[in-house]
């Protein structure tokens, strides 16, 4: 489970927001990749190397299980990438014998590849068409993790990349929102079931001499789905990101995104598989906010156990460092404002 969206400020700056949900701790940490780094992708044949490339851009984002790979992140050119779960519909590309050098793993390589080489959503689309993406099995289940990808750039363009029936499918994303299954085009069609939603309160309804009035504010949003299924979260994310009052600039947009993300935060216990044990409970492990504007390119993250936003300013990062670096946050989840005696 994941939810991604963007908001745009009055000055045109774009800010992306995203949640990451899973049923067990992904042990994600902030990780920084330098510009000019050499990368080696994995192929389905462990004896044959996959696609190799040299990155042009430095990147920062969130990894998993200590691996040097990005599930979510941004590069110094202002391109955002997010990997989201797409179960039951994903079928990755096959890699014919002899074409292993064109291949890369869906979870270990794609985020690194796109963020280190691309500056825009259109460049990312072209980059994906040059490679074959295969499903690397997860060690714990022996099955590939089914993913689709969302990308946003500083110009306000959004892209969705999915692998359906073994083929790459690329979609411009006019709403800049993505959740999980079904595939993206189904979600776009489903928004037609909610054309009545509005931030404006509905007027009173006169009936046979009696005026029926709303019982409180927010009547225009009656019917907004509030559950945590992917279709409901998609509709809710579209509605909230479109209706939210635009902030003047990127700093204000980060605050707007933080408030919208609160509508998708899942405490432990609200979503269960029905099985017993801690791995049956999905929850929001972390959320990110990404400012894509050239003069305010920042990456925020908050964790379940420490929901205070931590920020990395890309303008202050050393992307000429010798190798990959991790950033420890360690922020407290509250601020003590008790006056001193």
C-alpha atoms as a PDB file:
ATOM      1  CA  UNK A   1       0.000   0.000   0.000  1.00  0.00           C
ATOM      2  CA  UNK A   2       1.287   3.443  -0.958  1.00  0.00           C
ATOM      3  CA  UNK A   3      -0.151   6.809  -1.975  1.00  0.00           C
ATOM      4  CA  UNK A   4       1.601   9.429  -4.126  1.00  0.00           C
ATOM      5  CA  UNK A   5       0.492  12.884  -5.303  1.00  0.00           C
ATOM      6  CA  UNK A   6       1.780  16.368  -6.095  1.00  0.00           C
ATOM      7  CA  UNK A   7       0.685  19.902  -5.231  1.00  0.00           C
ATOM      8  CA  UNK A   8       1.669  23.012  -7.177  1.00  0.00           C
ATOM      9  CA  UNK A   9       2.301  26.407  -5.608  1.00  0.00           C
ATOM     10  CA  UNK A  10       1.190  29.751  -6.980  1.00  0.00           C
ATOM     11  CA  UNK A  11       4.736  30.360  -8.251  1.00  0.00           C
ATOM     12  CA  UNK A  12       4.600  27.064 -10.214  1.00  0.00           C
ATOM     13  CA  UNK A  13       6.911  25.053  -7.943  1.00  0.00           C
ATOM     14  CA  UNK A  14       5.992  21.373  -7.651  1.00  0.00           C
ATOM     15  CA  UNK A  15       6.027  19.342  -4.429  1.00  0.00           C
ATOM     16  CA  UNK A  16       5.480  15.576  -4.238  1.00  0.00           C
ATOM     17  CA  UNK A  17       4.074  13.676  -1.251  1.00  0.00           C
ATOM     18  CA  UNK A  18       4.148   9.937  -0.662  1.00  0.00           C
ATOM     19  CA  UNK A  19       3.426   7.302   1.994  1.00  0.00           C
ATOM     20  CA  UNK A  20       5.025   3.852   2.292  1.00  0.00           C
ATOM     21  CA  UNK A  21       3.005   1.062   3.882  1.00  0.00           C
ATOM     22  CA  UNK A  22       4.080  -2.507   4.466  1.00  0.00           C
ATOM     23  CA  UNK A  23       3.387  -5.346   6.884  1.00  0.00           C
ATOM     24  CA  UNK A  24       6.939  -5.669   8.188  1.00  0.00           C
ATOM     25  CA  UNK A  25       9.791  -3.278   8.784  1.00  0.00           C
ATOM     26  CA  UNK A  26      11.640  -2.493   5.556  1.00  0.00           C
ATOM     27  CA  UNK A  27      14.473  -1.001   7.637  1.00  0.00           C
ATOM     28  CA  UNK A  28      14.566   1.951   5.255  1.00  0.00           C
ATOM     29  CA  UNK A  29      17.213   4.627   5.722  1.00  0.00           C
ATOM     30  CA  UNK A  30      18.125   7.849   3.972  1.00  0.00           C
ATOM     31  CA  UNK A  31      20.839   7.158   1.427  1.00  0.00           C
ATOM     32  CA  UNK A  32      22.886   9.462  -0.826  1.00  0.00           C
ATOM     33  CA  UNK A  33      24.459   8.477  -4.158  1.00  0.00           C
ATOM     34  CA  UNK A  34      27.155  10.719  -5.656  1.00  0.00           C
ATOM     35  CA  UNK A  35      27.098  12.097  -9.164  1.00  0.00           C
ATOM     36  CA  UNK A  36      29.285  10.278 -11.674  1.00  0.00           C
ATOM     37  CA  UNK A  37      28.888   6.925  -9.900  1.00  0.00           C
ATOM     38  CA  UNK A  38      29.192   3.680 -11.875  1.00  0.00           C
ATOM     39  CA  UNK A  39      26.284   1.228 -11.525  1.00  0.00           C
ATOM     40  CA  UNK A  40      25.962  -2.465 -12.352  1.00  0.00           C
ATOM     41  CA  UNK A  41      22.457  -3.891 -12.678  1.00  0.00           C
ATOM     42  CA  UNK A  42      21.447  -7.463 -11.965  1.00  0.00           C
ATOM     43  CA  UNK A  43      20.330  -9.865 -14.693  1.00  0.00           C
ATOM     44  CA  UNK A  44      18.170 -13.007 -14.289  1.00  0.00           C
ATOM     45  CA  UNK A  45      21.330 -15.080 -14.773  1.00  0.00           C
ATOM     46  CA  UNK A  46      23.561 -14.559 -11.718  1.00  0.00           C
ATOM     47  CA  UNK A  47      26.611 -15.485 -13.805  1.00  0.00           C
ATOM     48  CA  UNK A  48      25.990 -12.742 -16.388  1.00  0.00           C
ATOM     49  CA  UNK A  49      25.998  -9.011 -15.545  1.00  0.00           C
ATOM     50  CA  UNK A  50      23.020  -6.871 -16.419  1.00  0.00           C
ATOM     51  CA  UNK A  51      22.898  -3.325 -17.739  1.00  0.00           C
ATOM     52  CA  UNK A  52      25.735  -1.039 -16.677  1.00  0.00           C
ATOM     53  CA  UNK A  53      25.862   2.739 -16.734  1.00  0.00           C
ATOM     54  CA  UNK A  54      27.536   5.803 -15.293  1.00  0.00           C
ATOM     55  CA  UNK A  55      25.245   8.233 -13.475  1.00  0.00           C
ATOM     56  CA  UNK A  56      25.121  11.919 -14.325  1.00  0.00           C
ATOM     57  CA  UNK A  57      23.232  13.122 -11.238  1.00  0.00           C
ATOM     58  CA  UNK A  58      23.549  12.820  -7.493  1.00  0.00           C
ATOM     59  CA  UNK A  59      20.502  11.388  -5.738  1.00  0.00           C
ATOM     60  CA  UNK A  60      18.999  11.064  -2.257  1.00  0.00           C
ATOM     61  CA  UNK A  61      16.133   8.884  -1.061  1.00  0.00           C
ATOM     62  CA  UNK A  62      14.941   5.872   0.912  1.00  0.00           C
ATOM     63  CA  UNK A  63      16.304   2.335   0.570  1.00  0.00           C
ATOM     64  CA  UNK A  64      15.307  -1.015   2.106  1.00  0.00           C
ATOM     65  CA  UNK A  65      17.150  -3.656   4.138  1.00  0.00           C
ATOM     66  CA  UNK A  66      20.451  -1.817   3.890  1.00  0.00           C
ATOM     67  CA  UNK A  67      20.619  -2.270   0.119  1.00  0.00           C
ATOM     68  CA  UNK A  68      22.082   0.367  -2.157  1.00  0.00           C
ATOM     69  CA  UNK A  69      18.836   0.903  -4.041  1.00  0.00           C
ATOM     70  CA  UNK A  70      16.075   3.512  -4.014  1.00  0.00           C
ATOM     71  CA  UNK A  71      12.371   2.894  -3.432  1.00  0.00           C
ATOM     72  CA  UNK A  72      11.744   6.624  -3.327  1.00  0.00           C
ATOM     73  CA  UNK A  73      13.933   9.627  -3.998  1.00  0.00           C
ATOM     74  CA  UNK A  74      14.913  12.717  -5.933  1.00  0.00           C
ATOM     75  CA  UNK A  75      17.950  13.808  -7.934  1.00  0.00           C
ATOM     76  CA  UNK A  76      19.744  17.116  -8.144  1.00  0.00           C
ATOM     77  CA  UNK A  77      17.983  17.893 -11.453  1.00  0.00           C
ATOM     78  CA  UNK A  78      14.569  17.841  -9.742  1.00  0.00           C
ATOM     79  CA  UNK A  79      13.234  14.451 -10.891  1.00  0.00           C
ATOM     80  CA  UNK A  80      11.259  12.453  -8.313  1.00  0.00           C
ATOM     81  CA  UNK A  81      10.864   8.649  -8.411  1.00  0.00           C
ATOM     82  CA  UNK A  82       8.615   6.374  -6.351  1.00  0.00           C
ATOM     83  CA  UNK A  83       8.106   2.599  -6.491  1.00  0.00           C
ATOM     84  CA  UNK A  84       4.597   1.504  -5.450  1.00  0.00           C
ATOM     85  CA  UNK A  85       3.065  -1.954  -5.043  1.00  0.00           C
ATOM     86  CA  UNK A  86       0.935  -3.314  -7.930  1.00  0.00           C
ATOM     87  CA  UNK A  87       0.005  -6.909  -7.027  1.00  0.00           C
ATOM     88  CA  UNK A  88      -2.031  -9.325  -9.198  1.00  0.00           C
ATOM     89  CA  UNK A  89      -1.562  -7.325 -12.403  1.00  0.00           C
ATOM     90  CA  UNK A  90       2.206  -6.980 -12.855  1.00  0.00           C
ATOM     91  CA  UNK A  91       4.095  -9.192 -15.286  1.00  0.00           C
ATOM     92  CA  UNK A  92       7.633  -8.028 -15.977  1.00  0.00           C
ATOM     93  CA  UNK A  93       9.535  -8.347 -19.226  1.00  0.00           C
ATOM     94  CA  UNK A  94      11.296 -11.538 -20.253  1.00  0.00           C
ATOM     95  CA  UNK A  95      15.043 -11.396 -20.898  1.00  0.00           C
ATOM     96  CA  UNK A  96      16.096 -13.566 -23.858  1.00  0.00           C
ATOM     97  CA  UNK A  97      19.434 -15.343 -23.687  1.00  0.00           C
ATOM     98  CA  UNK A  98      22.090 -13.025 -25.071  1.00  0.00           C
ATOM     99  CA  UNK A  99      20.302  -9.836 -23.973  1.00  0.00           C
ATOM    100  CA  UNK A 100      21.211  -9.979 -20.292  1.00  0.00           C
ATOM    101  CA  UNK A 101      23.323  -6.806 -20.685  1.00  0.00           C
ATOM    102  CA  UNK A 102      20.106  -4.876 -21.396  1.00  0.00           C
ATOM    103  CA  UNK A 103      18.360  -6.059 -18.226  1.00  0.00           C
ATOM    104  CA  UNK A 104      17.882  -4.749 -14.698  1.00  0.00           C
ATOM    105  CA  UNK A 105      16.039  -5.768 -11.532  1.00  0.00           C
ATOM    106  CA  UNK A 106      12.667  -4.148 -10.860  1.00  0.00           C
ATOM    107  CA  UNK A 107      13.497  -3.382  -7.236  1.00  0.00           C
ATOM    108  CA  UNK A 108      17.279  -3.111  -7.041  1.00  0.00           C
ATOM    109  CA  UNK A 109      18.074  -1.101 -10.164  1.00  0.00           C
ATOM    110  CA  UNK A 110      15.211   0.897 -11.704  1.00  0.00           C
ATOM    111  CA  UNK A 111      15.146   3.734  -9.151  1.00  0.00           C
ATOM    112  CA  UNK A 112      18.913   4.127  -9.260  1.00  0.00           C
ATOM    113  CA  UNK A 113      18.909   4.032 -13.068  1.00  0.00           C
ATOM    114  CA  UNK A 114      16.234   6.663 -13.641  1.00  0.00           C
ATOM    115  CA  UNK A 115      17.353   9.099 -10.954  1.00  0.00           C
ATOM    116  CA  UNK A 116      21.043   8.916 -11.847  1.00  0.00           C
ATOM    117  CA  UNK A 117      20.511   9.431 -15.602  1.00  0.00           C
ATOM    118  CA  UNK A 118      17.316  11.455 -16.158  1.00  0.00           C
ATOM    119  CA  UNK A 119      16.287  15.068 -15.541  1.00  0.00           C
ATOM    120  CA  UNK A 120      12.629  14.862 -16.607  1.00  0.00           C
ATOM    121  CA  UNK A 121       9.667  12.523 -16.899  1.00  0.00           C
ATOM    122  CA  UNK A 122      10.077  12.363 -20.682  1.00  0.00           C
ATOM    123  CA  UNK A 123      13.733  11.367 -20.330  1.00  0.00           C
ATOM    124  CA  UNK A 124      12.692   8.659 -17.850  1.00  0.00           C
ATOM    125  CA  UNK A 125      10.175   7.273 -20.352  1.00  0.00           C
ATOM    126  CA  UNK A 126      12.836   7.038 -23.031  1.00  0.00           C
ATOM    127  CA  UNK A 127      15.296   5.465 -20.576  1.00  0.00           C
ATOM    128  CA  UNK A 128      12.849   2.704 -19.632  1.00  0.00           C
ATOM    129  CA  UNK A 129      12.317   1.846 -23.290  1.00  0.00           C
ATOM    130  CA  UNK A 130      16.060   1.150 -23.623  1.00  0.00           C
ATOM    131  CA  UNK A 131      16.169  -1.628 -21.015  1.00  0.00           C
ATOM    132  CA  UNK A 132      14.434  -4.872 -20.032  1.00  0.00           C
ATOM    133  CA  UNK A 133      13.048  -4.948 -16.489  1.00  0.00           C
ATOM    134  CA  UNK A 134      12.713  -8.381 -14.902  1.00  0.00           C
ATOM    135  CA  UNK A 135      11.204  -9.446 -11.582  1.00  0.00           C
ATOM    136  CA  UNK A 136      13.902 -10.226  -9.029  1.00  0.00           C
ATOM    137  CA  UNK A 137      12.453 -12.664  -6.442  1.00  0.00           C
ATOM    138  CA  UNK A 138      12.308 -11.465  -2.852  1.00  0.00           C
ATOM    139  CA  UNK A 139      14.471 -13.696  -0.613  1.00  0.00           C
ATOM    140  CA  UNK A 140      11.711 -14.086   1.996  1.00  0.00           C
ATOM    141  CA  UNK A 141       8.977 -15.289  -0.393  1.00  0.00           C
ATOM    142  CA  UNK A 142      10.846 -16.453  -3.499  1.00  0.00           C
ATOM    143  CA  UNK A 143       8.478 -14.327  -5.598  1.00  0.00           C
ATOM    144  CA  UNK A 144       9.087 -10.974  -7.308  1.00  0.00           C
ATOM    145  CA  UNK A 145       7.654  -7.875  -5.639  1.00  0.00           C
ATOM    146  CA  UNK A 146       5.139  -6.447  -8.107  1.00  0.00           C
ATOM    147  CA  UNK A 147       5.748  -2.734  -8.631  1.00  0.00           C
ATOM    148  CA  UNK A 148       4.792   0.187 -10.791  1.00  0.00           C
ATOM    149  CA  UNK A 149       6.587   3.521 -10.813  1.00  0.00           C
ATOM    150  CA  UNK A 150       5.568   7.157 -10.525  1.00  0.00           C
ATOM    151  CA  UNK A 151       7.777  10.027 -11.664  1.00  0.00           C
ATOM    152  CA  UNK A 152       7.333  13.794 -11.313  1.00  0.00           C
ATOM    153  CA  UNK A 153       9.608  16.534 -12.595  1.00  0.00           C
ATOM    154  CA  UNK A 154      10.156  20.185 -11.781  1.00  0.00           C
ATOM    155  CA  UNK A 155       8.159  21.233 -14.840  1.00  0.00           C
ATOM    156  CA  UNK A 156       5.000  19.637 -13.449  1.00  0.00           C
ATOM    157  CA  UNK A 157       5.028  16.573 -15.699  1.00  0.00           C
ATOM    158  CA  UNK A 158       4.075  13.183 -14.246  1.00  0.00           C
ATOM    159  CA  UNK A 159       4.601   9.687 -15.624  1.00  0.00           C
ATOM    160  CA  UNK A 160       3.392   6.219 -14.624  1.00  0.00           C
ATOM    161  CA  UNK A 161       5.299   3.126 -15.757  1.00  0.00           C
ATOM    162  CA  UNK A 162       3.708  -0.322 -15.441  1.00  0.00           C
ATOM    163  CA  UNK A 163       4.522  -3.822 -16.698  1.00  0.00           C
ATOM    164  CA  UNK A 164       1.349  -5.584 -17.853  1.00  0.00           C
ATOM    165  CA  UNK A 165       1.353  -8.900 -19.767  1.00  0.00           C
ATOM    166  CA  UNK A 166       5.129  -8.682 -20.069  1.00  0.00           C
ATOM    167  CA  UNK A 167       5.076  -5.287 -21.783  1.00  0.00           C
ATOM    168  CA  UNK A 168       6.123  -1.831 -20.610  1.00  0.00           C
ATOM    169  CA  UNK A 169       3.185   0.578 -20.477  1.00  0.00           C
ATOM    170  CA  UNK A 170       3.856   4.300 -20.082  1.00  0.00           C
ATOM    171  CA  UNK A 171       1.141   6.797 -19.155  1.00  0.00           C
ATOM    172  CA  UNK A 172       1.124  10.549 -18.831  1.00  0.00           C
ATOM    173  CA  UNK A 173      -0.476  11.278 -15.474  1.00  0.00           C
ATOM    174  CA  UNK A 174      -2.577  14.458 -15.660  1.00  0.00           C
ATOM    175  CA  UNK A 175      -3.747  14.086 -12.036  1.00  0.00           C
ATOM    176  CA  UNK A 176      -0.248  13.315 -10.658  1.00  0.00           C
ATOM    177  CA  UNK A 177      -1.730  10.703  -8.281  1.00  0.00           C
ATOM    178  CA  UNK A 178      -0.924   7.003  -7.936  1.00  0.00           C
ATOM    179  CA  UNK A 179      -1.836   4.270  -5.451  1.00  0.00           C
ATOM    180  CA  UNK A 180      -1.885   0.493  -6.020  1.00  0.00           C
ATOM    181  CA  UNK A 181      -3.989  -2.095  -7.857  1.00  0.00           C
ATOM    182  CA  UNK A 182      -5.766  -2.063 -10.272  1.00  0.00           C
ATOM    183  CA  UNK A 183      -3.538  -0.505 -12.946  1.00  0.00           C
ATOM    184  CA  UNK A 184      -3.463   3.249 -13.498  1.00  0.00           C
ATOM    185  CA  UNK A 185      -5.952   3.531 -16.369  1.00  0.00           C
ATOM    186  CA  UNK A 186      -8.648   1.821 -14.255  1.00  0.00           C
ATOM    187  CA  UNK A 187      -8.197   4.431 -11.535  1.00  0.00           C
ATOM    188  CA  UNK A 188      -8.582   7.260 -14.037  1.00  0.00           C
ATOM    189  CA  UNK A 189     -11.867   5.770 -15.256  1.00  0.00           C
ATOM    190  CA  UNK A 190     -13.082   5.218 -11.693  1.00  0.00           C
ATOM    191  CA  UNK A 191     -12.812   8.934 -10.877  1.00  0.00           C
ATOM    192  CA  UNK A 192     -15.982   9.317 -12.961  1.00  0.00           C
ATOM    193  CA  UNK A 193     -17.915   7.776 -10.072  1.00  0.00           C
ATOM    194  CA  UNK A 194     -17.086  10.813  -7.915  1.00  0.00           C
ATOM    195  CA  UNK A 195     -17.830  13.803 -10.142  1.00  0.00           C
ATOM    196  CA  UNK A 196     -20.174  15.131  -7.435  1.00  0.00           C
ATOM    197  CA  UNK A 197     -17.371  15.832  -4.944  1.00  0.00           C
ATOM    198  CA  UNK A 198     -16.647  19.502  -4.284  1.00  0.00           C
ATOM    199  CA  UNK A 199     -14.939  21.657  -1.692  1.00  0.00           C
ATOM    200  CA  UNK A 200     -17.980  23.962  -1.833  1.00  0.00           C
ATOM    201  CA  UNK A 201     -20.853  23.238   0.546  1.00  0.00           C
ATOM    202  CA  UNK A 202     -24.121  22.194  -1.102  1.00  0.00           C
ATOM    203  CA  UNK A 203     -27.094  24.586  -0.843  1.00  0.00           C
ATOM    204  CA  UNK A 204     -30.163  23.902   1.248  1.00  0.00           C
ATOM    205  CA  UNK A 205     -32.775  21.648  -0.343  1.00  0.00           C
ATOM    206  CA  UNK A 206     -36.390  22.917  -0.179  1.00  0.00           C
ATOM    207  CA  UNK A 207     -38.895  20.060   0.166  1.00  0.00           C
ATOM    208  CA  UNK A 208     -42.643  20.770   0.452  1.00  0.00           C
ATOM    209  CA  UNK A 209     -42.167  23.875   2.546  1.00  0.00           C
ATOM    210  CA  UNK A 210     -39.337  22.420   4.637  1.00  0.00           C
ATOM    211  CA  UNK A 211     -35.707  23.349   3.951  1.00  0.00           C
ATOM    212  CA  UNK A 212     -33.321  20.437   4.386  1.00  0.00           C
ATOM    213  CA  UNK A 213     -30.003  21.867   5.556  1.00  0.00           C
ATOM    214  CA  UNK A 214     -26.617  20.240   5.937  1.00  0.00           C
ATOM    215  CA  UNK A 215     -25.754  19.434   9.552  1.00  0.00           C
ATOM    216  CA  UNK A 216     -22.341  21.027   9.312  1.00  0.00           C
ATOM    217  CA  UNK A 217     -19.515  22.189   7.108  1.00  0.00           C
ATOM    218  CA  UNK A 218     -18.046  19.948   4.407  1.00  0.00           C
ATOM    219  CA  UNK A 219     -21.274  18.862   2.727  1.00  0.00           C
ATOM    220  CA  UNK A 220     -19.709  19.130  -0.714  1.00  0.00           C
ATOM    221  CA  UNK A 221     -17.411  16.225   0.210  1.00  0.00           C
ATOM    222  CA  UNK A 222     -20.217  13.848   1.189  1.00  0.00           C
ATOM    223  CA  UNK A 223     -19.316  10.496  -0.338  1.00  0.00           C
ATOM    224  CA  UNK A 224     -15.557  11.018  -0.256  1.00  0.00           C
ATOM    225  CA  UNK A 225     -14.211   7.484   0.368  1.00  0.00           C
ATOM    226  CA  UNK A 226     -12.363   7.226   3.655  1.00  0.00           C
ATOM    227  CA  UNK A 227     -11.166   3.620   3.676  1.00  0.00           C
ATOM    228  CA  UNK A 228      -7.629   2.457   2.873  1.00  0.00           C
ATOM    229  CA  UNK A 229      -8.236   0.477  -0.329  1.00  0.00           C
ATOM    230  CA  UNK A 230      -6.210   1.648  -3.354  1.00  0.00           C
ATOM    231  CA  UNK A 231      -9.269   2.895  -5.336  1.00  0.00           C
ATOM    232  CA  UNK A 232     -10.509   4.913  -2.359  1.00  0.00           C
ATOM    233  CA  UNK A 233      -7.083   6.357  -1.633  1.00  0.00           C
ATOM    234  CA  UNK A 234      -6.683   7.317  -5.303  1.00  0.00           C
ATOM    235  CA  UNK A 235      -9.974   9.235  -5.315  1.00  0.00           C
ATOM    236  CA  UNK A 236      -9.192  10.836  -1.965  1.00  0.00           C
ATOM    237  CA  UNK A 237      -5.709  11.883  -3.091  1.00  0.00           C
ATOM    238  CA  UNK A 238      -7.055  13.408  -6.313  1.00  0.00           C
ATOM    239  CA  UNK A 239      -9.780  15.280  -4.438  1.00  0.00           C
ATOM    240  CA  UNK A 240      -7.552  16.607  -1.668  1.00  0.00           C
ATOM    241  CA  UNK A 241      -4.597  17.578  -3.873  1.00  0.00           C
ATOM    242  CA  UNK A 242      -6.883  19.343  -6.356  1.00  0.00           C
ATOM    243  CA  UNK A 243      -9.022  21.125  -3.746  1.00  0.00           C
ATOM    244  CA  UNK A 244      -6.272  22.222  -1.353  1.00  0.00           C
ATOM    245  CA  UNK A 245      -5.598  25.963  -1.473  1.00  0.00           C
ATOM    246  CA  UNK A 246      -2.284  26.491  -3.290  1.00  0.00           C
ATOM    247  CA  UNK A 247       0.525  27.895  -1.194  1.00  0.00           C
ATOM    248  CA  UNK A 248       2.536  30.879  -2.476  1.00  0.00           C
ATOM    249  CA  UNK A 249       5.793  28.934  -2.836  1.00  0.00           C
ATOM    250  CA  UNK A 250       7.614  25.635  -2.306  1.00  0.00           C
ATOM    251  CA  UNK A 251       7.997  26.124   1.441  1.00  0.00           C
ATOM    252  CA  UNK A 252       4.259  26.538   1.841  1.00  0.00           C
ATOM    253  CA  UNK A 253       3.551  23.629  -0.500  1.00  0.00           C
ATOM    254  CA  UNK A 254       5.555  21.304   1.726  1.00  0.00           C
ATOM    255  CA  UNK A 255       3.186  22.210   4.569  1.00  0.00           C
ATOM    256  CA  UNK A 256       0.166  21.592   2.334  1.00  0.00           C
ATOM    257  CA  UNK A 257       1.570  18.190   1.340  1.00  0.00           C
ATOM    258  CA  UNK A 258       2.168  17.307   4.997  1.00  0.00           C
ATOM    259  CA  UNK A 259      -1.468  17.997   5.841  1.00  0.00           C
ATOM    260  CA  UNK A 260      -2.708  15.924   2.890  1.00  0.00           C
ATOM    261  CA  UNK A 261      -0.432  13.041   3.883  1.00  0.00           C
ATOM    262  CA  UNK A 262      -2.083  12.988   7.299  1.00  0.00           C
ATOM    263  CA  UNK A 263      -5.249  11.766   5.544  1.00  0.00           C
ATOM    264  CA  UNK A 264      -3.416   8.593   4.471  1.00  0.00           C
ATOM    265  CA  UNK A 265      -1.418   7.801   7.585  1.00  0.00           C
ATOM    266  CA  UNK A 266      -2.277   4.303   8.884  1.00  0.00           C
ATOM    267  CA  UNK A 267      -1.597   3.467  12.547  1.00  0.00           C
ATOM    268  CA  UNK A 268      -0.836  -0.152  13.375  1.00  0.00           C
ATOM    269  CA  UNK A 269      -3.995  -2.207  13.707  1.00  0.00           C
ATOM    270  CA  UNK A 270      -6.301  -0.558  11.175  1.00  0.00           C
ATOM    271  CA  UNK A 271      -5.296  -2.816   8.246  1.00  0.00           C
ATOM    272  CA  UNK A 272      -4.866  -6.557   8.930  1.00  0.00           C
ATOM    273  CA  UNK A 273      -4.537  -9.593   6.678  1.00  0.00           C
ATOM    274  CA  UNK A 274      -6.584 -11.791   9.024  1.00  0.00           C
ATOM    275  CA  UNK A 275      -3.600 -13.921   9.938  1.00  0.00           C
ATOM    276  CA  UNK A 276      -1.955 -13.824  13.359  1.00  0.00           C
ATOM    277  CA  UNK A 277       1.406 -12.250  14.155  1.00  0.00           C
ATOM    278  CA  UNK A 278       2.999  -8.848  13.630  1.00  0.00           C
ATOM    279  CA  UNK A 279       3.536  -9.415   9.890  1.00  0.00           C
ATOM    280  CA  UNK A 280      -0.246  -9.416   9.354  1.00  0.00           C
ATOM    281  CA  UNK A 281      -0.586  -5.693  10.128  1.00  0.00           C
ATOM    282  CA  UNK A 282       0.171  -3.064   7.493  1.00  0.00           C
ATOM    283  CA  UNK A 283       0.995   0.450   8.611  1.00  0.00           C
ATOM    284  CA  UNK A 284       2.616   3.634   7.348  1.00  0.00           C
ATOM    285  CA  UNK A 285       6.326   3.008   7.892  1.00  0.00           C
ATOM    286  CA  UNK A 286       7.424   6.352   6.490  1.00  0.00           C
ATOM    287  CA  UNK A 287       6.272   9.272   4.399  1.00  0.00           C
ATOM    288  CA  UNK A 288       8.215  11.684   2.215  1.00  0.00           C
ATOM    289  CA  UNK A 289       7.758  15.192   0.856  1.00  0.00           C
ATOM    290  CA  UNK A 290       9.910  16.271  -2.076  1.00  0.00           C
ATOM    291  CA  UNK A 291      10.359  19.837  -3.243  1.00  0.00           C
ATOM    292  CA  UNK A 292      11.310  19.861  -6.930  1.00  0.00           C
ATOM    293  CA  UNK A 293      11.807  23.616  -7.466  1.00  0.00           C
ATOM    294  CA  UNK A 294      15.358  24.525  -8.469  1.00  0.00           C
ATOM    295  CA  UNK A 295      15.712  27.109  -5.708  1.00  0.00           C
ATOM    296  CA  UNK A 296      14.140  24.938  -2.982  1.00  0.00           C
ATOM    297  CA  UNK A 297      15.042  21.325  -3.742  1.00  0.00           C
ATOM    298  CA  UNK A 298      14.509  19.512  -0.440  1.00  0.00           C
ATOM    299  CA  UNK A 299      13.641  15.969   0.642  1.00  0.00           C
ATOM    300  CA  UNK A 300      11.642  15.450   3.853  1.00  0.00           C
ATOM    301  CA  UNK A 301      11.013  12.141   5.636  1.00  0.00           C
ATOM    302  CA  UNK A 302       9.160  11.076   8.768  1.00  0.00           C
ATOM    303  CA  UNK A 303       9.012   7.625  10.340  1.00  0.00           C
ATOM    304  CA  UNK A 304       6.281   5.773  12.202  1.00  0.00           C
ATOM    305  CA  UNK A 305       8.138   5.865  15.510  1.00  0.00           C
ATOM    306  CA  UNK A 306       9.352   9.437  15.085  1.00  0.00           C
ATOM    307  CA  UNK A 307       6.759  11.487  13.179  1.00  0.00           C
ATOM    308  CA  UNK A 308       8.790  14.686  13.138  1.00  0.00           C
ATOM    309  CA  UNK A 309       9.794  15.732   9.647  1.00  0.00           C
ATOM    310  CA  UNK A 310      13.531  15.528   8.923  1.00  0.00           C
ATOM    311  CA  UNK A 311      14.823  17.400   5.897  1.00  0.00           C
ATOM    312  CA  UNK A 312      17.790  17.111   3.542  1.00  0.00           C
ATOM    313  CA  UNK A 313      18.654  20.189   1.482  1.00  0.00           C
ATOM    314  CA  UNK A 314      20.027  18.945  -1.840  1.00  0.00           C
ATOM    315  CA  UNK A 315      21.859  22.243  -2.390  1.00  0.00           C
ATOM    316  CA  UNK A 316      23.957  21.481   0.675  1.00  0.00           C
ATOM    317  CA  UNK A 317      24.723  17.830  -0.089  1.00  0.00           C
ATOM    318  CA  UNK A 318      28.178  16.848  -1.305  1.00  0.00           C
ATOM    319  CA  UNK A 319      27.382  14.901  -4.465  1.00  0.00           C
ATOM    320  CA  UNK A 320      31.098  14.686  -5.226  1.00  0.00           C
ATOM    321  CA  UNK A 321      31.665  12.386  -2.248  1.00  0.00           C
ATOM    322  CA  UNK A 322      33.701   9.237  -2.796  1.00  0.00           C
ATOM    323  CA  UNK A 323      30.876   6.737  -2.362  1.00  0.00           C
ATOM    324  CA  UNK A 324      27.381   5.985  -1.128  1.00  0.00           C
ATOM    325  CA  UNK A 325      26.506   7.543   2.245  1.00  0.00           C
ATOM    326  CA  UNK A 326      23.725   6.975   4.778  1.00  0.00           C
ATOM    327  CA  UNK A 327      22.081   9.701   6.834  1.00  0.00           C
ATOM    328  CA  UNK A 328      20.876   8.917  10.327  1.00  0.00           C
ATOM    329  CA  UNK A 329      17.922  10.987  11.534  1.00  0.00           C
ATOM    330  CA  UNK A 330      17.341  10.055  15.177  1.00  0.00           C
ATOM    331  CA  UNK A 331      14.796  12.828  15.714  1.00  0.00           C
ATOM    332  CA  UNK A 332      12.527  12.824  18.756  1.00  0.00           C
ATOM    333  CA  UNK A 333       8.800  12.616  18.079  1.00  0.00           C
ATOM    334  CA  UNK A 334       7.948  15.641  20.203  1.00  0.00           C
ATOM    335  CA  UNK A 335       9.311  19.018  21.255  1.00  0.00           C
ATOM    336  CA  UNK A 336       9.248  19.865  24.960  1.00  0.00           C
ATOM    337  CA  UNK A 337       8.028  23.450  25.323  1.00  0.00           C
ATOM    338  CA  UNK A 338       7.528  23.428  29.086  1.00  0.00           C
ATOM    339  CA  UNK A 339       8.584  26.873  30.395  1.00  0.00           C
ATOM    340  CA  UNK A 340      11.660  26.841  32.605  1.00  0.00           C
ATOM    341  CA  UNK A 341      10.924  27.657  36.270  1.00  0.00           C
END
